[in-house]
Amino acid sequence: MAMDVSDELTCHELVELVTDYLEDALPAVERARLEAHLDVCAGCREYLAQMRQTISVMGQLPADSLDPKMSQRLLEVFREWRRGR
């Protein structure tokens, strides 16, 4: 099934969806839109590669390596960001 121009994903939309994409949590239609965008956008391909690298590196850190105060602050910032969507 071909997508028309109105179905094209923007770079901003890709950034919003990348976590769900990496967690394989996107519906098939959204996944297809995202992958079609990646086919034509080198910047977003690079962004996706950077996200994968960040996840890989962060996954190697021991859970107790972050100061508890910093951990709490990061959670607060993330929650504020999510509310602002």
N, C-alpha and C. Protein backbone atom coordinates (compact mmCIF):
# COMPACT_ATOMS: atom_id res chain seq x y z
N MET A 1 0.84 -1.18 0.00
CA MET A 1 0.00 0.00 0.00
C MET A 1 0.89 1.24 0.00
N ALA A 2 0.72 2.10 -0.97
CA ALA A 2 1.52 3.31 -1.09
C ALA A 2 0.98 4.39 -0.17
N MET A 3 1.90 5.19 0.36
CA MET A 3 1.51 6.31 1.21
C MET A 3 1.49 7.56 0.36
N ASP A 4 0.55 8.47 0.62
CA ASP A 4 0.56 9.72 -0.11
C ASP A 4 1.37 10.75 0.67
N VAL A 5 1.59 11.89 0.06
CA VAL A 5 2.45 12.92 0.65
C VAL A 5 1.98 13.35 2.04
N SER A 6 0.68 13.36 2.25
CA SER A 6 0.17 13.80 3.56
C SER A 6 0.53 12.82 4.67
N ASP A 7 0.95 11.61 4.31
CA ASP A 7 1.35 10.60 5.29
C ASP A 7 2.82 10.69 5.67
N GLU A 8 3.58 11.57 4.99
CA GLU A 8 5.01 11.66 5.26
C GLU A 8 5.27 12.17 6.67
N LEU A 9 6.23 11.55 7.31
CA LEU A 9 6.62 11.91 8.66
C LEU A 9 7.63 13.05 8.61
N THR A 10 7.56 13.99 9.53
CA THR A 10 8.56 15.05 9.63
C THR A 10 9.68 14.61 10.57
N CYS A 11 10.79 15.30 10.52
CA CYS A 11 11.90 15.01 11.43
C CYS A 11 11.46 15.16 12.89
N HIS A 12 10.69 16.18 13.17
CA HIS A 12 10.20 16.41 14.53
C HIS A 12 9.34 15.24 15.00
N GLU A 13 8.46 14.76 14.13
CA GLU A 13 7.62 13.61 14.49
C GLU A 13 8.46 12.37 14.74
N LEU A 14 9.51 12.18 13.94
CA LEU A 14 10.39 11.02 14.15
C LEU A 14 11.02 11.07 15.53
N VAL A 15 11.50 12.23 15.92
CA VAL A 15 12.11 12.38 17.25
C VAL A 15 11.11 11.99 18.34
N GLU A 16 9.85 12.38 18.16
CA GLU A 16 8.81 12.06 19.14
C GLU A 16 8.52 10.55 19.21
N LEU A 17 8.73 9.85 18.10
CA LEU A 17 8.37 8.43 18.02
C LEU A 17 9.53 7.47 18.18
N VAL A 18 10.75 7.98 18.23
CA VAL A 18 11.92 7.11 18.15
C VAL A 18 11.99 6.10 19.31
N THR A 19 11.59 6.49 20.51
CA THR A 19 11.64 5.54 21.64
C THR A 19 10.70 4.37 21.39
N ASP A 20 9.47 4.67 20.98
CA ASP A 20 8.53 3.58 20.68
C ASP A 20 9.04 2.72 19.53
N TYR A 21 9.69 3.34 18.55
CA TYR A 21 10.26 2.59 17.43
C TYR A 21 11.33 1.62 17.94
N LEU A 22 12.23 2.11 18.76
CA LEU A 22 13.32 1.27 19.26
C LEU A 22 12.81 0.17 20.19
N GLU A 23 11.69 0.41 20.84
CA GLU A 23 11.09 -0.60 21.73
C GLU A 23 10.10 -1.49 20.99
N ASP A 24 10.02 -1.33 19.67
CA ASP A 24 9.11 -2.10 18.82
C ASP A 24 7.67 -1.97 19.29
N ALA A 25 7.30 -0.75 19.66
CA ALA A 25 5.96 -0.50 20.21
C ALA A 25 5.10 0.36 19.29
N LEU A 26 5.57 0.62 18.08
CA LEU A 26 4.77 1.43 17.15
C LEU A 26 3.80 0.54 16.37
N PRO A 27 2.60 1.05 16.13
CA PRO A 27 1.69 0.33 15.21
C PRO A 27 2.35 0.22 13.83
N ALA A 28 1.98 -0.77 13.07
CA ALA A 28 2.60 -1.05 11.78
C ALA A 28 2.59 0.17 10.85
N VAL A 29 1.48 0.91 10.82
CA VAL A 29 1.38 2.07 9.93
C VAL A 29 2.39 3.14 10.33
N GLU A 30 2.50 3.42 11.63
CA GLU A 30 3.46 4.43 12.10
C GLU A 30 4.89 3.97 11.85
N ARG A 31 5.16 2.69 12.07
CA ARG A 31 6.49 2.14 11.82
C ARG A 31 6.86 2.31 10.34
N ALA A 32 5.92 2.04 9.45
CA ALA A 32 6.17 2.19 8.01
C ALA A 32 6.45 3.65 7.66
N ARG A 33 5.69 4.57 8.25
CA ARG A 33 5.92 6.01 8.02
C ARG A 33 7.32 6.42 8.49
N LEU A 34 7.70 5.94 9.68
CA LEU A 34 9.00 6.28 10.24
C LEU A 34 10.11 5.72 9.35
N GLU A 35 9.98 4.47 8.94
CA GLU A 35 11.02 3.84 8.11
C GLU A 35 11.10 4.49 6.73
N ALA A 36 9.96 4.93 6.19
CA ALA A 36 9.97 5.64 4.90
C ALA A 36 10.73 6.96 5.05
N HIS A 37 10.55 7.62 6.17
CA HIS A 37 11.28 8.87 6.42
C HIS A 37 12.78 8.59 6.53
N LEU A 38 13.14 7.53 7.24
CA LEU A 38 14.55 7.18 7.37
C LEU A 38 15.20 6.90 6.02
N ASP A 39 14.42 6.35 5.09
CA ASP A 39 14.94 6.05 3.75
C ASP A 39 15.41 7.30 3.02
N VAL A 40 14.83 8.45 3.35
CA VAL A 40 15.15 9.67 2.61
C VAL A 40 15.85 10.75 3.44
N CYS A 41 16.04 10.50 4.73
CA CYS A 41 16.59 11.55 5.60
C CYS A 41 17.86 11.08 6.32
N ALA A 42 19.00 11.51 5.81
CA ALA A 42 20.28 11.12 6.40
C ALA A 42 20.42 11.64 7.83
N GLY A 43 19.91 12.82 8.10
CA GLY A 43 20.00 13.39 9.45
C GLY A 43 19.27 12.53 10.48
N CYS A 44 18.10 12.04 10.12
CA CYS A 44 17.33 11.20 11.04
C CYS A 44 17.96 9.81 11.17
N ARG A 45 18.58 9.32 10.10
CA ARG A 45 19.30 8.04 10.22
C ARG A 45 20.45 8.19 11.21
N GLU A 46 21.14 9.31 11.15
CA GLU A 46 22.24 9.58 12.08
C GLU A 46 21.71 9.71 13.51
N TYR A 47 20.60 10.41 13.66
CA TYR A 47 19.97 10.56 14.99
C TYR A 47 19.62 9.19 15.57
N LEU A 48 19.02 8.33 14.75
CA LEU A 48 18.66 6.99 15.20
C LEU A 48 19.91 6.20 15.60
N ALA A 49 20.97 6.30 14.82
CA ALA A 49 22.22 5.61 15.15
C ALA A 49 22.78 6.13 16.48
N GLN A 50 22.71 7.44 16.69
CA GLN A 50 23.19 8.02 17.95
C GLN A 50 22.36 7.54 19.13
N MET A 51 21.05 7.45 18.96
CA MET A 51 20.18 6.95 20.03
C MET A 51 20.52 5.51 20.36
N ARG A 52 20.73 4.69 19.35
CA ARG A 52 21.09 3.28 19.58
C ARG A 52 22.42 3.19 20.32
N GLN A 53 23.39 4.01 19.94
CA GLN A 53 24.69 4.01 20.60
C GLN A 53 24.55 4.45 22.06
N THR A 54 23.76 5.49 22.31
CA THR A 54 23.55 5.98 23.68
C THR A 54 22.92 4.89 24.54
N ILE A 55 21.91 4.22 24.02
CA ILE A 55 21.25 3.15 24.76
C ILE A 55 22.24 2.02 25.06
N SER A 56 23.06 1.69 24.09
CA SER A 56 24.05 0.63 24.28
C SER A 56 25.05 0.98 25.39
N VAL A 57 25.57 2.20 25.34
CA VAL A 57 26.55 2.63 26.34
C VAL A 57 25.90 2.75 27.72
N MET A 58 24.73 3.35 27.78
CA MET A 58 24.07 3.54 29.07
C MET A 58 23.67 2.20 29.68
N GLY A 59 23.35 1.23 28.85
CA GLY A 59 22.97 -0.08 29.34
C GLY A 59 24.11 -0.82 30.01
N GLN A 60 25.33 -0.37 29.79
CA GLN A 60 26.50 -1.00 30.37
C GLN A 60 26.87 -0.43 31.73
N LEU A 61 26.22 0.66 32.11
CA LEU A 61 26.52 1.29 33.40
C LEU A 61 25.81 0.55 34.53
N PRO A 62 26.50 0.34 35.65
CA PRO A 62 25.82 -0.26 36.81
C PRO A 62 24.74 0.68 37.34
N ALA A 63 23.64 0.13 37.80
CA ALA A 63 22.50 0.93 38.27
C ALA A 63 22.88 1.87 39.40
N ASP A 64 23.80 1.47 40.24
CA ASP A 64 24.16 2.30 41.39
C ASP A 64 25.28 3.31 41.08
N SER A 65 25.64 3.47 39.81
CA SER A 65 26.72 4.38 39.46
C SER A 65 26.28 5.84 39.43
N LEU A 66 25.00 6.10 39.46
CA LEU A 66 24.48 7.47 39.44
C LEU A 66 24.12 7.91 40.86
N ASP A 67 24.58 9.08 41.20
CA ASP A 67 24.26 9.66 42.50
C ASP A 67 22.75 9.71 42.68
N PRO A 68 22.21 9.29 43.83
CA PRO A 68 20.75 9.29 44.03
C PRO A 68 20.09 10.65 43.81
N LYS A 69 20.76 11.73 44.21
CA LYS A 69 20.19 13.07 43.99
C LYS A 69 20.09 13.38 42.50
N MET A 70 21.11 13.00 41.74
CA MET A 70 21.09 13.23 40.30
C MET A 70 20.02 12.36 39.64
N SER A 71 19.89 11.15 40.10
CA SER A 71 18.86 10.26 39.57
C SER A 71 17.47 10.87 39.77
N GLN A 72 17.22 11.38 40.96
CA GLN A 72 15.94 12.01 41.26
C GLN A 72 15.71 13.23 40.37
N ARG A 73 16.75 14.03 40.20
CA ARG A 73 16.64 15.23 39.36
C ARG A 73 16.32 14.85 37.91
N LEU A 74 16.99 13.84 37.39
CA LEU A 74 16.73 13.40 36.03
C LEU A 74 15.30 12.91 35.86
N LEU A 75 14.80 12.18 36.85
CA LEU A 75 13.41 11.73 36.80
C LEU A 75 12.44 12.90 36.79
N GLU A 76 12.73 13.91 37.59
CA GLU A 76 11.88 15.11 37.63
C GLU A 76 11.88 15.83 36.28
N VAL A 77 13.04 15.98 35.69
CA VAL A 77 13.15 16.65 34.39
C VAL A 77 12.39 15.85 33.34
N PHE A 78 12.54 14.54 33.35
CA PHE A 78 11.84 13.70 32.39
C PHE A 78 10.33 13.83 32.56
N ARG A 79 9.86 13.81 33.79
CA ARG A 79 8.42 13.93 34.04
C ARG A 79 7.89 15.29 33.58
N GLU A 80 8.65 16.35 33.83
CA GLU A 80 8.25 17.68 33.38
C GLU A 80 8.18 17.72 31.86
N TRP A 81 9.16 17.12 31.21
CA TRP A 81 9.18 17.08 29.75
C TRP A 81 7.96 16.33 29.21
N ARG A 82 7.62 15.20 29.82
CA ARG A 82 6.48 14.41 29.37
C ARG A 82 5.16 15.19 29.55
N ARG A 83 5.05 15.94 30.64
CA ARG A 83 3.84 16.75 30.86
C ARG A 83 3.71 17.86 29.84
N GLY A 84 4.84 18.36 29.37
CA GLY A 84 4.85 19.45 28.41
C GLY A 84 4.49 19.06 27.00
N ARG A 85 4.38 17.79 26.74
CA ARG A 85 4.05 17.32 25.39
C ARG A 85 2.75 17.82 25.05
